[in-house]
Amino acid sequence: MASLSKLGPSTNQLKPGLSLFDSVTLVAGSMIGSGIFIVSADITRQVGTPFALLMVWLVAGVMTIAGALAYGELAAMMPAAGGQYVYLREAYGGMWAFMFGWTLLLVIQTGTIAAVAVAFARFAGVMWPVLGSTLWFGAGGAGLSGERAGAIIVIAVLTAANLRGLNMGKWLQNSFTTAKILSLCLIVAVGCVLMPNPAAIHANFGSSAAFFGSSSTSIGAGVFGAAMVGALFSADAWASVTFAAAEVRNPKRDLPLALAFGTGVVIALYILTNLAYLCELPASGTADAATVVGRGIAHASSDRVAAAAMQVVWGGAGAKITAVLVMISGFGCANGLILTGARVIYAMSQDRVFFAAAGRLNRASVPAVALVMQGIWAALLTLSGTYSELLDYVIFAQLMFYVLTVSAVFVLRRRRPDAPRPYRAWGYPIVPALYVVAASALMIDLLILKPRFTWPGLLIALSGVPIYYWTTRPRSRRG
């Protein structure tokens, strides 16, 4: 296991070039993808009432911020490339770190990049019909369509941009994150203040029964927990900034601040955006209603809640306005994921548990081979058509790694009590412990209610174990 003294720059070092603002946009920009524009429909179908919808987002938000506050201690303590990969290695050993990096490369980061890129192309298809979902050639769901070709172009363009250096990557991130935050602010302002729909307000807030529901519509903790999955993973990827920790100029100060401020801003916007949806559309409705308003949030066409809400305000133009907003959001999200994900592959190579070439930097001081490998695999996932299923499968594994990483705060406090800690987790030990308990309860809930999505995710993570021992075996023999 590497010691803390070995976590600094090497001769093949990444160059610090990220300010506090850059770090915040990496957190916020990686979190805000297409989920906030879509998943509220499925959440509402599960929980049924406006109050429960808002509570799902609130509880998921509190969990996200609690996790980020704990990560802040680890990030300031170990500001090395790879972030979460390094924390797991230092707390539990190389095998657990490799399992995380393997799952990240195989599905979590690349699958999310693929999903976000396809979402970009799908909404671009509103204006350019050539980007349709009909396969040009292929079989069994795999193959090439206009939509997937558009997604691959997005991945290729953003990978090429990041190959030119950190400055290009962060410029794209700053620009698109600012634009997408303003986009969500526009939805909030229009829905809540400028042009609310009186009929929707009455349907959702007109009485306590309308807002809270009746005794017959009450839901159990298990259903509530399952409904949180969509909200949690719409707010996911906030830890990505830690992957690029070695490139933050003042990591001991800026990483904890970026994690806390970035997650706080996004969660506040998510809750306000859902409030805006409730000011434009009734929560419930019927799937076969003739009007957008009649279908409500629960049965918005193709789950496009944001588009349905904007159609109430601007009619047919609302769909195109929303398409542009989602395209801006998806492009910026994909850029953040591409920029940061390659740094984990780089860190694995530096530990000699992955291809040596992935640990080399190009003339622009970025891990070029890691970026290209990540881009190729994400593109292949778009062609396979299975990325969305794979993302469903890793929900459990992702939660497991979050629990392990937050628990690492306790492990390292005990094992290395005198190690420098420029920032200590806020609310320790209560807040991190509550996060571990809540996330563990959610994992158990998913094992019971969604077993077909949980066990495959665990198996994907465990598939990294034999790979790890295979990669480390020659080194142990030489030792």
Protein backbone atom coordinates (compact mmCIF):
# COMPACT_ATOMS: atom_id res chain seq x y z
CA MET A 1 0.00 0.00 0.00
CA ALA A 2 1.36 3.43 -0.91
CA SER A 3 2.17 5.81 1.89
CA LEU A 4 0.94 9.37 2.02
CA SER A 5 4.45 10.58 1.33
CA LYS A 6 4.26 9.00 -2.12
CA LEU A 7 1.13 10.79 -3.22
CA GLY A 8 2.83 13.86 -4.61
CA PRO A 9 3.84 14.66 -8.20
CA SER A 10 6.05 12.27 -10.14
CA THR A 11 8.39 12.99 -13.03
CA ASN A 12 5.48 12.22 -15.33
CA GLN A 13 3.37 14.81 -13.61
CA LEU A 14 0.11 16.54 -14.38
CA LYS A 15 0.28 20.31 -14.25
CA PRO A 16 -1.88 22.24 -11.73
CA GLY A 17 -4.13 24.59 -13.66
CA LEU A 18 -7.57 24.45 -12.03
CA SER A 19 -8.77 27.34 -9.87
CA LEU A 20 -11.56 27.22 -7.31
CA PHE A 21 -14.06 28.36 -9.94
CA ASP A 22 -12.83 25.68 -12.36
CA SER A 23 -13.20 23.05 -9.63
CA VAL A 24 -16.75 24.18 -8.80
CA THR A 25 -17.76 23.97 -12.47
CA LEU A 26 -16.31 20.45 -12.65
CA VAL A 27 -18.49 19.43 -9.70
CA ALA A 28 -21.65 21.16 -10.90
CA GLY A 29 -21.13 20.49 -14.59
CA SER A 30 -20.52 16.77 -14.08
CA MET A 31 -23.66 16.50 -11.94
CA ILE A 32 -26.09 18.31 -14.26
CA GLY A 33 -26.81 16.09 -17.24
CA SER A 34 -30.14 15.09 -18.74
CA GLY A 35 -31.62 13.47 -15.62
CA ILE A 36 -33.16 16.59 -14.09
CA PHE A 37 -35.15 17.12 -17.30
CA ILE A 38 -36.57 13.57 -17.30
CA VAL A 39 -36.51 11.47 -14.11
CA SER A 40 -39.18 13.37 -12.17
CA ALA A 41 -41.81 11.58 -14.25
CA ASP A 42 -40.73 8.13 -13.04
CA ILE A 43 -40.30 9.38 -9.46
CA THR A 44 -43.83 10.80 -9.48
CA ARG A 45 -45.28 7.55 -10.82
CA GLN A 46 -43.74 5.78 -7.84
CA VAL A 47 -44.52 8.23 -5.03
CA GLY A 48 -47.69 9.88 -6.36
CA THR A 49 -47.83 13.25 -4.58
CA PRO A 50 -46.14 16.67 -4.95
CA PHE A 51 -44.87 16.50 -1.37
CA ALA A 52 -43.28 13.08 -1.86
CA LEU A 53 -41.69 14.19 -5.14
CA LEU A 54 -40.02 17.16 -3.45
CA MET A 55 -39.01 15.05 -0.45
CA VAL A 56 -37.32 12.48 -2.70
CA TRP A 57 -35.17 15.22 -4.22
CA LEU A 58 -34.54 16.81 -0.81
CA VAL A 59 -33.43 13.59 0.89
CA ALA A 60 -31.30 12.60 -2.09
CA GLY A 61 -29.79 16.08 -2.01
CA VAL A 62 -28.99 15.94 1.70
CA MET A 63 -27.31 12.55 1.17
CA THR A 64 -25.28 13.93 -1.73
CA ILE A 65 -24.06 16.94 0.25
CA ALA A 66 -23.25 14.78 3.29
CA GLY A 67 -21.15 12.50 1.09
CA ALA A 68 -19.39 15.46 -0.52
CA LEU A 69 -18.51 16.94 2.88
CA ALA A 70 -16.86 13.66 3.88
CA TYR A 71 -14.98 13.42 0.58
CA GLY A 72 -13.65 16.91 1.23
CA GLU A 73 -11.50 15.63 4.09
CA LEU A 74 -10.02 12.87 1.96
CA ALA A 75 -9.48 15.20 -1.01
CA ALA A 76 -7.59 17.78 1.05
CA MET A 77 -5.60 15.05 2.79
CA MET A 78 -4.60 13.22 -0.44
CA PRO A 79 -4.71 15.63 -3.41
CA ALA A 80 -3.51 13.09 -5.96
CA ALA A 81 -4.61 12.12 -9.46
CA GLY A 82 -7.32 9.49 -9.29
CA GLY A 83 -9.08 10.91 -6.24
CA GLN A 84 -11.54 8.31 -5.00
CA TYR A 85 -9.33 5.55 -6.40
CA VAL A 86 -6.49 6.77 -4.16
CA TYR A 87 -8.71 7.03 -1.06
CA LEU A 88 -9.85 3.45 -1.45
CA ARG A 89 -6.30 2.27 -2.01
CA GLU A 90 -5.02 4.02 1.11
CA ALA A 91 -7.87 2.80 3.32
CA TYR A 92 -8.42 -0.77 2.10
CA GLY A 93 -5.63 -1.75 -0.27
CA GLY A 94 -5.02 -2.02 -3.99
CA MET A 95 -7.67 -4.62 -4.78
CA TRP A 96 -10.58 -2.46 -3.63
CA ALA A 97 -9.16 0.55 -5.47
CA PHE A 98 -8.77 -1.49 -8.64
CA MET A 99 -12.34 -2.79 -8.38
CA PHE A 100 -13.52 0.81 -8.31
CA GLY A 101 -11.31 1.90 -11.21
CA TRP A 102 -12.27 -1.19 -13.24
CA THR A 103 -16.00 -0.61 -12.71
CA LEU A 104 -15.58 3.09 -13.47
CA LEU A 105 -13.83 2.35 -16.76
CA LEU A 106 -16.06 -0.56 -17.72
CA VAL A 107 -19.43 1.06 -17.02
CA ILE A 108 -19.80 3.94 -14.56
CA GLN A 109 -17.87 6.71 -16.31
CA THR A 110 -17.95 5.41 -19.87
CA GLY A 111 -21.58 4.29 -19.64
CA THR A 112 -22.59 7.69 -18.32
CA ILE A 113 -20.61 9.42 -21.08
CA ALA A 114 -22.43 7.25 -23.63
CA ALA A 115 -25.84 7.91 -22.08
CA VAL A 116 -25.32 11.67 -21.88
CA ALA A 117 -23.99 11.82 -25.45
CA VAL A 118 -26.99 9.87 -26.74
CA ALA A 119 -29.32 12.18 -24.80
CA PHE A 120 -27.63 15.14 -26.52
CA ALA A 121 -28.16 13.56 -29.94
CA ARG A 122 -31.74 12.54 -29.11
CA PHE A 123 -32.75 16.08 -28.25
CA ALA A 124 -30.77 17.43 -31.20
CA GLY A 125 -33.00 15.20 -33.29
CA VAL A 126 -35.90 17.52 -32.46
CA MET A 127 -34.28 20.02 -34.84
CA TRP A 128 -32.33 17.64 -37.10
CA PRO A 129 -34.46 14.57 -37.88
CA VAL A 130 -31.46 12.79 -39.42
CA LEU A 131 -30.40 12.08 -35.82
CA GLY A 132 -33.18 9.53 -35.44
CA SER A 133 -33.15 6.30 -33.44
CA THR A 134 -33.85 3.93 -36.36
CA LEU A 135 -30.85 1.66 -36.96
CA TRP A 136 -29.10 2.18 -40.29
CA PHE A 137 -27.52 -1.24 -39.89
CA GLY A 138 -27.08 -3.72 -37.06
CA ALA A 139 -28.96 -6.45 -35.25
CA GLY A 140 -30.35 -7.26 -31.83
CA GLY A 141 -30.34 -3.65 -30.70
CA ALA A 142 -26.66 -3.16 -31.57
CA GLY A 143 -25.68 -1.09 -34.57
CA LEU A 144 -25.45 2.44 -35.90
CA SER A 145 -28.24 4.99 -36.12
CA GLY A 146 -28.27 8.73 -36.64
CA GLU A 147 -28.71 9.21 -32.92
CA ARG A 148 -25.74 7.02 -32.07
CA ALA A 149 -23.61 8.58 -34.81
CA GLY A 150 -24.34 11.98 -33.27
CA ALA A 151 -23.36 10.65 -29.84
CA ILE A 152 -20.08 9.25 -31.15
CA ILE A 153 -19.29 12.59 -32.78
CA VAL A 154 -19.85 14.34 -29.45
CA ILE A 155 -17.53 11.89 -27.67
CA ALA A 156 -14.87 12.24 -30.39
CA VAL A 157 -15.01 16.05 -30.43
CA LEU A 158 -14.77 16.36 -26.64
CA THR A 159 -11.99 13.77 -26.41
CA ALA A 160 -10.04 15.62 -29.10
CA ALA A 161 -10.58 18.93 -27.29
CA ASN A 162 -9.28 17.50 -24.02
CA LEU A 163 -6.24 16.05 -25.81
CA ARG A 164 -5.21 19.65 -26.51
CA GLY A 165 -4.67 20.27 -22.81
CA LEU A 166 -6.29 21.15 -19.52
CA ASN A 167 -6.94 24.76 -20.53
CA MET A 168 -9.20 23.71 -23.42
CA GLY A 169 -11.05 21.20 -21.25
CA LYS A 170 -11.67 23.64 -18.43
CA TRP A 171 -12.72 26.43 -20.84
CA LEU A 172 -15.40 24.16 -22.28
CA GLN A 173 -16.44 23.11 -18.79
CA ASN A 174 -16.70 26.65 -17.46
CA SER A 175 -18.65 27.86 -20.50
CA PHE A 176 -21.20 25.06 -20.65
CA THR A 177 -21.66 24.76 -16.89
CA THR A 178 -22.42 28.48 -16.66
CA ALA A 179 -24.88 28.12 -19.54
CA LYS A 180 -26.68 25.13 -18.05
CA ILE A 181 -26.98 26.73 -14.60
CA LEU A 182 -28.53 29.76 -16.28
CA SER A 183 -30.83 27.38 -18.19
CA LEU A 184 -32.13 25.84 -14.96
CA CYS A 185 -32.52 29.33 -13.50
CA LEU A 186 -34.64 30.21 -16.55
CA ILE A 187 -36.94 27.22 -15.95
CA VAL A 188 -37.25 28.16 -12.27
CA ALA A 189 -37.95 31.83 -13.00
CA VAL A 190 -40.52 31.09 -15.71
CA GLY A 191 -42.27 28.31 -13.81
CA CYS A 192 -42.30 29.75 -10.31
CA VAL A 193 -42.42 33.51 -10.86
CA LEU A 194 -43.09 34.81 -14.37
CA MET A 195 -45.64 32.44 -15.96
CA PRO A 196 -46.97 29.81 -13.51
CA ASN A 197 -50.03 27.80 -14.50
CA PRO A 198 -52.92 28.52 -12.07
CA ALA A 199 -54.58 25.18 -12.82
CA ALA A 200 -51.42 23.25 -11.91
CA ILE A 201 -50.89 25.29 -8.75
CA HIS A 202 -54.43 24.52 -7.64
CA ALA A 203 -54.06 20.81 -8.48
CA ASN A 204 -50.78 20.48 -6.56
CA PHE A 205 -51.05 23.05 -3.76
CA GLY A 206 -54.78 23.80 -3.52
CA SER A 207 -55.31 21.71 -0.39
CA SER A 208 -53.40 19.55 2.05
CA ALA A 209 -54.87 16.45 0.39
CA ALA A 210 -53.66 17.64 -3.01
CA PHE A 211 -50.14 18.31 -1.74
CA PHE A 212 -49.61 15.53 0.81
CA GLY A 213 -52.08 12.99 -0.55
CA SER A 214 -54.59 10.96 1.40
CA SER A 215 -54.02 7.97 3.64
CA SER A 216 -54.75 5.72 0.68
CA THR A 217 -51.85 7.25 -1.28
CA SER A 218 -49.23 6.92 1.47
CA ILE A 219 -46.07 5.04 0.49
CA GLY A 220 -43.68 2.87 2.45
CA ALA A 221 -40.00 3.48 3.13
CA GLY A 222 -39.05 0.81 0.61
CA VAL A 223 -40.88 2.48 -2.27
CA PHE A 224 -39.53 5.89 -1.24
CA GLY A 225 -35.98 4.50 -1.23
CA ALA A 226 -36.39 2.93 -4.65
CA ALA A 227 -37.75 6.23 -5.99
CA MET A 228 -34.61 7.98 -4.76
CA VAL A 229 -32.44 6.12 -7.24
CA GLY A 230 -33.31 8.45 -10.10
CA ALA A 231 -32.67 11.56 -8.02
CA LEU A 232 -29.39 10.24 -6.61
CA PHE A 233 -28.00 9.43 -9.99
CA SER A 234 -29.20 12.67 -11.53
CA ALA A 235 -27.01 14.24 -8.84
CA ASP A 236 -24.18 11.74 -9.33
CA ALA A 237 -20.62 12.36 -10.59
CA TRP A 238 -19.96 15.07 -7.98
CA ALA A 239 -16.84 13.12 -6.91
CA SER A 240 -15.34 13.44 -10.40
CA VAL A 241 -13.44 16.58 -9.42
CA THR A 242 -11.34 14.48 -7.04
CA PHE A 243 -10.07 12.48 -10.03
CA ALA A 244 -8.32 15.64 -11.24
CA ALA A 245 -7.06 16.66 -7.77
CA ALA A 246 -3.42 16.76 -8.90
CA GLU A 247 -4.33 19.55 -11.33
CA VAL A 248 -6.01 21.82 -8.76
CA ARG A 249 -3.73 24.72 -7.86
CA ASN A 250 -4.66 24.88 -4.18
CA PRO A 251 -6.25 21.47 -3.56
CA LYS A 252 -6.14 21.52 0.22
CA ARG A 253 -8.42 24.55 0.26
CA ASP A 254 -10.26 24.40 -3.05
CA LEU A 255 -11.33 20.75 -3.23
CA PRO A 256 -13.43 20.77 -0.02
CA LEU A 257 -14.93 24.13 -0.99
CA ALA A 258 -15.72 22.98 -4.53
CA LEU A 259 -17.37 19.78 -3.31
CA ALA A 260 -19.51 21.60 -0.73
CA PHE A 261 -20.45 24.61 -2.86
CA GLY A 262 -20.89 22.74 -6.14
CA THR A 263 -23.19 20.08 -4.70
CA GLY A 264 -25.11 22.68 -2.65
CA VAL A 265 -25.84 24.86 -5.69
CA VAL A 266 -26.92 21.94 -7.86
CA ILE A 267 -29.19 20.39 -5.23
CA ALA A 268 -30.85 23.76 -4.58
CA LEU A 269 -31.43 24.18 -8.33
CA TYR A 270 -32.82 20.65 -8.64
CA ILE A 271 -35.39 21.21 -5.89
CA LEU A 272 -36.40 24.58 -7.34
CA THR A 273 -36.65 23.08 -10.83
CA ASN A 274 -39.05 20.42 -9.55
CA LEU A 275 -41.04 23.15 -7.84
CA ALA A 276 -41.22 24.89 -11.24
CA TYR A 277 -42.53 21.68 -12.82
CA LEU A 278 -45.24 21.55 -10.15
CA CYS A 279 -46.17 25.16 -10.93
CA GLU A 280 -46.77 24.23 -14.58
CA LEU A 281 -48.10 20.66 -14.48
CA PRO A 282 -50.22 18.62 -12.06
CA ALA A 283 -48.26 15.80 -10.46
CA SER A 284 -50.77 13.15 -11.45
CA GLY A 285 -52.58 12.75 -14.73
CA THR A 286 -53.57 10.08 -17.19
CA ALA A 287 -51.33 8.44 -19.76
CA ASP A 288 -53.93 8.84 -22.51
CA ALA A 289 -54.87 12.47 -21.80
CA ALA A 290 -55.26 14.61 -24.90
CA THR A 291 -53.36 17.61 -23.54
CA VAL A 292 -49.90 18.14 -22.10
CA VAL A 293 -51.38 19.46 -18.85
CA GLY A 294 -53.79 16.53 -18.62
CA ARG A 295 -50.95 14.03 -18.77
CA GLY A 296 -49.19 15.76 -15.86
CA ILE A 297 -45.67 15.09 -14.63
CA ALA A 298 -46.24 11.37 -14.11
CA HIS A 299 -47.18 10.73 -17.73
CA ALA A 300 -45.22 13.38 -19.62
CA SER A 301 -44.54 12.21 -23.16
CA SER A 302 -41.35 10.08 -23.18
CA ASP A 303 -40.85 11.29 -19.58
CA ARG A 304 -39.74 14.69 -20.93
CA VAL A 305 -41.05 16.68 -17.98
CA ALA A 306 -39.11 19.85 -18.73
CA ALA A 307 -40.38 19.88 -22.32
CA ALA A 308 -43.97 19.39 -21.14
CA ALA A 309 -43.62 22.23 -18.63
CA MET A 310 -42.16 24.58 -21.24
CA GLN A 311 -44.91 23.64 -23.71
CA VAL A 312 -47.46 24.96 -21.22
CA VAL A 313 -45.64 28.30 -21.36
CA TRP A 314 -44.54 28.57 -24.99
CA GLY A 315 -46.59 25.97 -26.84
CA GLY A 316 -44.83 24.09 -29.62
CA ALA A 317 -41.73 26.25 -29.29
CA GLY A 318 -41.29 24.93 -25.75
CA ALA A 319 -40.08 21.57 -27.03
CA LYS A 320 -37.35 23.19 -29.11
CA ILE A 321 -36.31 25.49 -26.26
CA THR A 322 -36.03 22.50 -23.95
CA ALA A 323 -34.09 20.54 -26.56
CA VAL A 324 -31.49 23.32 -26.68
CA LEU A 325 -31.27 23.41 -22.89
CA VAL A 326 -30.73 19.64 -22.68
CA MET A 327 -28.12 19.78 -25.45
CA ILE A 328 -26.18 22.46 -23.56
CA SER A 329 -26.45 20.47 -20.35
CA GLY A 330 -25.45 17.16 -21.93
CA PHE A 331 -22.47 18.59 -23.81
CA GLY A 332 -21.04 20.17 -20.66
CA CYS A 333 -21.69 17.07 -18.57
CA ALA A 334 -19.97 14.79 -21.09
CA ASN A 335 -16.96 17.10 -21.17
CA GLY A 336 -16.55 16.99 -17.38
CA LEU A 337 -16.84 13.20 -17.34
CA ILE A 338 -14.32 12.80 -20.17
CA LEU A 339 -11.83 15.22 -18.59
CA THR A 340 -11.90 13.62 -15.13
CA GLY A 341 -12.44 9.93 -15.91
CA ALA A 342 -9.16 9.61 -17.80
CA ARG A 343 -7.28 10.65 -14.65
CA VAL A 344 -8.41 7.48 -12.84
CA ILE A 345 -7.12 5.34 -15.70
CA TYR A 346 -3.86 7.33 -15.48
CA ALA A 347 -3.63 6.69 -11.72
CA MET A 348 -4.20 2.95 -12.20
CA SER A 349 -1.39 2.88 -14.75
CA GLN A 350 0.89 4.78 -12.37
CA ASP A 351 0.24 2.01 -9.83
CA ARG A 352 1.23 -0.53 -12.52
CA VAL A 353 -2.11 -2.32 -12.46
CA PHE A 354 -3.14 -1.14 -15.93
CA PHE A 355 -1.51 -0.63 -19.35
CA ALA A 356 1.70 1.38 -18.97
CA ALA A 357 0.85 3.59 -21.96
CA ALA A 358 -2.22 4.93 -20.13
CA GLY A 359 0.10 6.50 -17.57
CA ARG A 360 1.99 8.66 -20.07
CA LEU A 361 1.27 12.31 -20.78
CA ASN A 362 1.37 13.98 -24.18
CA ARG A 363 2.96 17.34 -24.99
CA ALA A 364 -0.09 19.11 -23.57
CA SER A 365 0.50 17.33 -20.22
CA VAL A 366 -2.70 15.27 -20.34
CA PRO A 367 -3.05 11.44 -20.29
CA ALA A 368 -3.65 11.05 -24.02
CA VAL A 369 -3.82 7.24 -24.24
CA ALA A 370 -6.20 7.12 -21.26
CA LEU A 371 -8.44 9.71 -22.92
CA VAL A 372 -8.49 7.81 -26.22
CA MET A 373 -9.15 4.43 -24.53
CA GLN A 374 -12.02 5.94 -22.55
CA GLY A 375 -13.48 7.56 -25.67
CA ILE A 376 -13.29 4.39 -27.76
CA TRP A 377 -14.98 2.28 -25.08
CA ALA A 378 -17.73 4.88 -24.53
CA ALA A 379 -18.33 4.96 -28.31
CA LEU A 380 -18.57 1.15 -28.41
CA LEU A 381 -21.12 1.25 -25.59
CA THR A 382 -23.28 3.62 -27.65
CA LEU A 383 -23.16 1.17 -30.56
CA SER A 384 -24.04 -1.75 -28.28
CA GLY A 385 -27.26 -0.09 -27.20
CA THR A 386 -26.81 -1.60 -23.72
CA TYR A 387 -25.25 1.35 -21.86
CA SER A 388 -28.53 2.32 -20.19
CA GLU A 389 -29.01 -1.25 -18.90
CA LEU A 390 -25.42 -1.33 -17.66
CA LEU A 391 -25.96 1.93 -15.80
CA ASP A 392 -28.98 0.38 -14.09
CA TYR A 393 -26.81 -2.54 -13.09
CA VAL A 394 -24.07 -0.45 -11.46
CA ILE A 395 -26.39 1.50 -9.17
CA PHE A 396 -25.69 -0.92 -6.35
CA ALA A 397 -21.93 -1.04 -7.02
CA GLN A 398 -21.69 2.76 -7.14
CA LEU A 399 -23.46 3.05 -3.80
CA MET A 400 -21.12 0.43 -2.38
CA PHE A 401 -18.07 2.46 -3.41
CA TYR A 402 -19.59 5.63 -1.95
CA VAL A 403 -20.19 3.85 1.38
CA LEU A 404 -16.65 2.47 1.38
CA THR A 405 -15.14 5.87 0.59
CA VAL A 406 -17.08 7.78 3.25
CA SER A 407 -16.20 4.98 5.70
CA ALA A 408 -12.55 5.58 4.77
CA VAL A 409 -12.76 8.81 6.77
CA PHE A 410 -13.24 6.70 9.91
CA VAL A 411 -10.61 4.14 8.86
CA LEU A 412 -7.91 6.73 8.21
CA ARG A 413 -8.77 8.77 11.32
CA ARG A 414 -8.00 5.64 13.33
CA ARG A 415 -5.07 4.36 11.29
CA ARG A 416 -3.36 7.70 10.65
CA PRO A 417 -4.48 10.06 13.38
CA ASP A 418 -1.50 12.40 12.95
CA ALA A 419 -1.70 12.75 9.16
CA PRO A 420 -2.20 16.37 8.02
CA ARG A 421 -5.88 17.18 7.54
CA PRO A 422 -6.28 20.73 6.19
CA TYR A 423 -10.05 20.21 6.28
CA ARG A 424 -11.95 17.90 8.61
CA ALA A 425 -15.32 16.49 7.58
CA TRP A 426 -18.11 18.75 8.82
CA GLY A 427 -20.28 17.07 11.45
CA TYR A 428 -17.86 14.20 12.05
CA PRO A 429 -18.64 11.54 13.19
CA ILE A 430 -22.43 12.00 13.02
CA VAL A 431 -22.89 13.29 9.45
CA PRO A 432 -20.59 10.72 7.75
CA ALA A 433 -22.09 7.94 9.89
CA LEU A 434 -25.62 8.95 8.91
CA TYR A 435 -24.60 8.90 5.26
CA VAL A 436 -23.17 5.39 5.62
CA VAL A 437 -26.33 4.18 7.39
CA ALA A 438 -28.69 5.81 4.85
CA ALA A 439 -26.78 4.59 1.80
CA SER A 440 -26.46 1.08 3.27
CA ALA A 441 -30.21 1.00 3.94
CA LEU A 442 -30.81 2.05 0.34
CA MET A 443 -28.55 -0.75 -0.87
CA ILE A 444 -30.55 -3.30 1.14
CA ASP A 445 -33.76 -1.78 -0.21
CA LEU A 446 -32.51 -2.18 -3.78
CA LEU A 447 -31.44 -5.76 -3.15
CA ILE A 448 -35.00 -6.55 -2.08
CA LEU A 449 -37.01 -4.46 -4.55
CA LYS A 450 -34.75 -4.47 -7.63
CA PRO A 451 -32.64 -7.62 -7.44
CA ARG A 452 -32.22 -7.93 -11.20
CA PHE A 453 -30.43 -4.57 -11.23
CA THR A 454 -28.32 -5.04 -8.10
CA TRP A 455 -26.67 -8.44 -8.36
CA PRO A 456 -25.34 -7.87 -11.92
CA GLY A 457 -23.78 -4.59 -10.73
CA LEU A 458 -22.03 -6.37 -7.90
CA LEU A 459 -20.77 -9.02 -10.32
CA ILE A 460 -19.40 -6.33 -12.66
CA ALA A 461 -17.42 -4.85 -9.76
CA LEU A 462 -16.22 -8.29 -8.60
CA SER A 463 -15.04 -9.13 -12.12
CA GLY A 464 -12.15 -6.76 -11.41
CA VAL A 465 -10.74 -9.04 -8.68
CA PRO A 466 -9.18 -11.71 -10.96
CA ILE A 467 -7.96 -8.95 -13.31
CA TYR A 468 -6.23 -7.24 -10.39
CA TYR A 469 -4.46 -10.40 -9.24
CA TRP A 470 -3.48 -11.17 -12.81
CA THR A 471 -1.90 -7.72 -13.25
CA THR A 472 -0.09 -7.80 -9.91
CA ARG A 473 1.15 -11.41 -10.11
CA PRO A 474 4.28 -10.74 -12.25
CA ARG A 475 5.34 -7.92 -9.94
CA SER A 476 4.95 -10.12 -6.84
CA ARG A 477 7.08 -12.81 -8.46
CA ARG A 478 9.82 -10.27 -9.19
CA GLY A 479 9.64 -9.01 -5.59
